[in-house]
């Protein structure tokens, strides 16, 4: 499946070694990228049992959730990456 990257959000996630190895092996055997496998898993996990109307209502309720933020996207990401945040993930 081809994706239009202009309609996607870039994100970062941490995977355990076992999960990464499993996804990498599946990707090699299926010809799919790790990103594609994660997108498919998210869809399977979170879209089951949700009607189109419910999905639309959820999207509408989330629309504009960040419109009152006081910093740019770049500043927000830099703030997240600053300090002890990464080190605290492993505690």
N, C-alpha and C. Protein backbone atom coordinates (compact mmCIF):
# COMPACT_ATOMS: atom_id res chain seq x y z
N UNK A 1 0.85 -1.18 0.00
CA UNK A 1 0.00 0.00 0.00
C UNK A 1 0.89 1.24 0.00
N UNK A 2 0.62 2.19 -0.86
CA UNK A 2 1.37 3.44 -0.90
C UNK A 2 0.71 4.45 0.02
N UNK A 3 1.52 5.24 0.67
CA UNK A 3 1.03 6.25 1.59
C UNK A 3 1.44 7.62 1.08
N UNK A 4 0.56 8.57 1.24
CA UNK A 4 0.87 9.95 0.93
C UNK A 4 1.45 10.57 2.19
N UNK A 5 2.75 10.81 2.21
CA UNK A 5 3.39 11.29 3.44
C UNK A 5 2.90 12.67 3.86
N UNK A 6 2.23 13.38 2.98
CA UNK A 6 1.70 14.69 3.34
C UNK A 6 0.47 14.57 4.23
N UNK A 7 -0.08 13.37 4.35
CA UNK A 7 -1.24 13.14 5.19
C UNK A 7 -0.89 12.26 6.38
N UNK A 8 0.39 12.23 6.73
CA UNK A 8 0.84 11.39 7.82
C UNK A 8 1.60 12.25 8.83
N UNK A 9 1.67 11.77 10.05
CA UNK A 9 2.45 12.42 11.09
C UNK A 9 3.67 11.56 11.40
N UNK A 10 4.81 12.18 11.44
CA UNK A 10 6.03 11.46 11.81
C UNK A 10 6.03 11.31 13.33
N UNK A 11 6.42 10.13 13.78
CA UNK A 11 6.48 9.90 15.21
C UNK A 11 7.67 9.01 15.53
N UNK A 12 7.96 8.91 16.78
CA UNK A 12 9.07 8.09 17.23
C UNK A 12 8.56 7.17 18.32
N UNK A 13 8.98 5.91 18.31
CA UNK A 13 8.56 5.01 19.38
C UNK A 13 9.73 4.13 19.76
N UNK A 14 9.68 3.64 20.97
CA UNK A 14 10.70 2.75 21.47
C UNK A 14 10.16 1.34 21.48
N UNK A 15 10.92 0.40 20.92
CA UNK A 15 10.53 -1.00 20.89
C UNK A 15 11.56 -1.80 21.68
N UNK A 16 11.09 -2.80 22.38
CA UNK A 16 12.01 -3.72 23.03
C UNK A 16 12.74 -4.53 21.98
N UNK A 17 13.86 -5.11 22.35
CA UNK A 17 14.66 -5.89 21.41
C UNK A 17 13.84 -7.02 20.78
N UNK A 18 13.03 -7.70 21.58
CA UNK A 18 12.22 -8.82 21.06
C UNK A 18 11.21 -8.33 20.02
N UNK A 19 10.52 -7.23 20.33
CA UNK A 19 9.54 -6.69 19.39
C UNK A 19 10.21 -6.24 18.09
N UNK A 20 11.35 -5.57 18.24
CA UNK A 20 12.07 -5.10 17.05
C UNK A 20 12.51 -6.28 16.19
N UNK A 21 13.07 -7.31 16.83
CA UNK A 21 13.52 -8.49 16.08
C UNK A 21 12.35 -9.18 15.39
N UNK A 22 11.21 -9.27 16.08
CA UNK A 22 10.03 -9.91 15.49
C UNK A 22 9.54 -9.13 14.28
N UNK A 23 9.43 -7.82 14.41
CA UNK A 23 8.95 -7.00 13.30
C UNK A 23 9.93 -7.01 12.13
N UNK A 24 11.21 -6.98 12.43
CA UNK A 24 12.23 -7.02 11.38
C UNK A 24 12.14 -8.33 10.60
N UNK A 25 11.98 -9.44 11.30
CA UNK A 25 11.86 -10.75 10.64
C UNK A 25 10.61 -10.81 9.78
N UNK A 26 9.50 -10.32 10.32
CA UNK A 26 8.25 -10.31 9.55
C UNK A 26 8.40 -9.42 8.32
N UNK A 27 9.05 -8.29 8.49
CA UNK A 27 9.27 -7.38 7.37
C UNK A 27 10.09 -8.02 6.26
N UNK A 28 11.13 -8.73 6.65
CA UNK A 28 11.96 -9.41 5.64
C UNK A 28 11.17 -10.48 4.89
N UNK A 29 10.32 -11.20 5.61
CA UNK A 29 9.58 -12.28 4.95
C UNK A 29 8.39 -11.77 4.12
N UNK A 30 7.87 -10.60 4.47
CA UNK A 30 6.70 -10.07 3.75
C UNK A 30 7.04 -8.95 2.78
N UNK A 31 8.25 -8.38 2.92
CA UNK A 31 8.62 -7.25 2.08
C UNK A 31 8.04 -5.93 2.57
N UNK A 32 7.54 -5.91 3.81
CA UNK A 32 6.95 -4.69 4.36
C UNK A 32 7.97 -3.99 5.26
N UNK A 33 7.84 -2.66 5.33
CA UNK A 33 8.71 -1.91 6.22
C UNK A 33 8.20 -2.02 7.66
N UNK A 34 9.08 -1.70 8.59
CA UNK A 34 8.69 -1.70 10.00
C UNK A 34 7.54 -0.72 10.22
N UNK A 35 7.62 0.43 9.59
CA UNK A 35 6.55 1.43 9.73
C UNK A 35 5.21 0.89 9.25
N UNK A 36 5.23 0.21 8.13
CA UNK A 36 3.99 -0.35 7.59
C UNK A 36 3.40 -1.40 8.53
N UNK A 37 4.27 -2.24 9.11
CA UNK A 37 3.79 -3.25 10.05
C UNK A 37 3.18 -2.61 11.30
N UNK A 38 3.80 -1.54 11.79
CA UNK A 38 3.26 -0.85 12.96
C UNK A 38 1.92 -0.21 12.64
N UNK A 39 1.82 0.44 11.47
CA UNK A 39 0.53 1.05 11.07
C UNK A 39 -0.57 0.00 10.98
N UNK A 40 -0.25 -1.15 10.39
CA UNK A 40 -1.25 -2.22 10.28
C UNK A 40 -1.68 -2.72 11.66
N UNK A 41 -0.71 -2.88 12.55
CA UNK A 41 -1.03 -3.36 13.90
C UNK A 41 -1.89 -2.35 14.66
N UNK A 42 -1.60 -1.09 14.49
CA UNK A 42 -2.41 -0.05 15.15
C UNK A 42 -3.84 -0.10 14.63
N UNK A 43 -3.98 -0.19 13.31
CA UNK A 43 -5.32 -0.27 12.73
C UNK A 43 -6.08 -1.49 13.24
N UNK A 44 -5.43 -2.63 13.24
CA UNK A 44 -6.10 -3.85 13.71
C UNK A 44 -6.49 -3.74 15.18
N UNK A 45 -5.64 -3.16 15.98
CA UNK A 45 -5.88 -3.10 17.43
C UNK A 45 -6.93 -2.06 17.83
N UNK A 46 -6.93 -0.94 17.14
CA UNK A 46 -7.76 0.17 17.61
C UNK A 46 -8.96 0.50 16.74
N UNK A 47 -9.07 -0.08 15.59
CA UNK A 47 -10.22 0.21 14.74
C UNK A 47 -11.27 -0.88 14.77
N UNK A 48 -11.00 -1.99 15.40
CA UNK A 48 -11.98 -3.07 15.45
C UNK A 48 -13.21 -2.61 16.23
N UNK A 49 -14.34 -2.88 15.68
CA UNK A 49 -15.59 -2.58 16.37
C UNK A 49 -15.98 -1.12 16.37
N UNK A 50 -15.24 -0.29 15.66
CA UNK A 50 -15.58 1.14 15.60
C UNK A 50 -16.22 1.43 14.25
N UNK A 51 -17.40 1.96 14.30
CA UNK A 51 -18.09 2.29 13.05
C UNK A 51 -17.48 3.55 12.44
N UNK A 52 -17.80 3.80 11.20
CA UNK A 52 -17.32 5.01 10.52
C UNK A 52 -17.79 6.26 11.24
N UNK A 53 -19.02 6.22 11.73
CA UNK A 53 -19.58 7.37 12.45
C UNK A 53 -18.82 7.61 13.76
N UNK A 54 -18.52 6.52 14.47
CA UNK A 54 -17.76 6.66 15.72
C UNK A 54 -16.35 7.19 15.46
N UNK A 55 -15.72 6.67 14.42
CA UNK A 55 -14.37 7.12 14.06
C UNK A 55 -14.38 8.60 13.73
N UNK A 56 -15.38 9.04 12.96
CA UNK A 56 -15.49 10.44 12.60
C UNK A 56 -15.72 11.30 13.84
N UNK A 57 -16.55 10.84 14.75
CA UNK A 57 -16.79 11.57 15.99
C UNK A 57 -15.51 11.70 16.82
N UNK A 58 -14.72 10.64 16.87
CA UNK A 58 -13.45 10.70 17.60
C UNK A 58 -12.49 11.69 16.96
N UNK A 59 -12.41 11.67 15.65
CA UNK A 59 -11.54 12.62 14.96
C UNK A 59 -11.99 14.05 15.19
N UNK A 60 -13.28 14.28 15.12
CA UNK A 60 -13.80 15.64 15.34
C UNK A 60 -13.55 16.11 16.77
N UNK A 61 -13.64 15.19 17.75
CA UNK A 61 -13.41 15.59 19.14
C UNK A 61 -11.95 15.94 19.39
N UNK A 62 -11.03 15.37 18.60
CA UNK A 62 -9.61 15.65 18.77
C UNK A 62 -9.15 16.86 17.96
N UNK A 63 -9.95 17.27 17.00
CA UNK A 63 -9.56 18.38 16.12
C UNK A 63 -9.34 19.65 16.93
N UNK A 64 -8.20 20.30 16.70
CA UNK A 64 -7.91 21.57 17.36
C UNK A 64 -7.41 21.44 18.78
N UNK A 65 -7.09 20.24 19.20
CA UNK A 65 -6.72 20.03 20.60
C UNK A 65 -5.46 20.82 20.99
N UNK A 66 -4.60 21.10 20.02
CA UNK A 66 -3.37 21.82 20.30
C UNK A 66 -3.42 23.29 19.87
N UNK A 67 -4.53 23.78 19.48
CA UNK A 67 -4.55 25.13 18.90
C UNK A 67 -4.18 26.23 19.88
N UNK A 68 -4.28 25.98 21.18
CA UNK A 68 -3.95 27.01 22.16
C UNK A 68 -2.54 26.85 22.72
N UNK A 69 -1.74 25.97 22.16
CA UNK A 69 -0.38 25.80 22.68
C UNK A 69 0.41 27.08 22.45
N UNK A 70 1.41 27.28 23.30
CA UNK A 70 2.16 28.54 23.27
C UNK A 70 3.53 28.41 22.62
N UNK A 71 3.87 27.24 22.09
CA UNK A 71 5.18 27.06 21.47
C UNK A 71 5.04 26.39 20.11
N UNK A 72 6.07 26.56 19.31
CA UNK A 72 6.07 25.95 17.98
C UNK A 72 6.27 24.44 18.11
N UNK A 73 5.99 23.73 17.03
CA UNK A 73 6.21 22.28 17.02
C UNK A 73 7.66 21.95 17.35
N UNK A 74 8.57 22.69 16.72
CA UNK A 74 9.99 22.44 16.92
C UNK A 74 10.39 22.67 18.38
N UNK A 75 9.90 23.72 18.97
CA UNK A 75 10.20 24.00 20.38
C UNK A 75 9.64 22.93 21.29
N UNK A 76 8.46 22.46 20.98
CA UNK A 76 7.83 21.40 21.78
C UNK A 76 8.67 20.12 21.75
N UNK A 77 9.11 19.72 20.55
CA UNK A 77 9.93 18.51 20.42
C UNK A 77 11.26 18.69 21.14
N UNK A 78 11.87 19.85 21.00
CA UNK A 78 13.14 20.10 21.70
C UNK A 78 12.95 20.02 23.21
N UNK A 79 11.85 20.54 23.70
CA UNK A 79 11.56 20.49 25.14
C UNK A 79 11.40 19.04 25.60
N UNK A 80 10.73 18.23 24.81
CA UNK A 80 10.55 16.83 25.16
C UNK A 80 11.87 16.08 25.22
N UNK A 81 12.76 16.40 24.31
CA UNK A 81 14.04 15.69 24.22
C UNK A 81 15.08 16.19 25.21
N UNK A 82 14.80 17.29 25.87
CA UNK A 82 15.76 17.91 26.77
C UNK A 82 15.73 17.24 28.14
N UNK A 83 16.84 17.24 28.80
CA UNK A 83 16.87 16.82 30.19
C UNK A 83 16.93 15.32 30.40
N UNK A 84 16.33 14.88 31.49
CA UNK A 84 16.42 13.49 31.93
C UNK A 84 15.30 12.61 31.41
N UNK A 85 14.44 13.14 30.59
CA UNK A 85 13.27 12.40 30.13
C UNK A 85 13.62 11.03 29.56
N UNK A 86 14.60 10.97 28.67
CA UNK A 86 14.98 9.71 28.04
C UNK A 86 15.53 8.74 29.06
N UNK A 87 16.40 9.22 29.94
CA UNK A 87 16.99 8.35 30.97
C UNK A 87 15.91 7.80 31.91
N UNK A 88 14.88 8.57 32.18
CA UNK A 88 13.83 8.14 33.09
C UNK A 88 12.95 7.04 32.51
N UNK A 89 12.98 6.87 31.19
CA UNK A 89 12.18 5.81 30.57
C UNK A 89 12.63 4.43 31.02
N UNK A 90 13.88 4.29 31.34
CA UNK A 90 14.45 2.98 31.67
C UNK A 90 14.46 2.69 33.15
N UNK A 91 13.93 3.57 33.96
CA UNK A 91 13.90 3.35 35.42
C UNK A 91 12.67 2.61 35.83
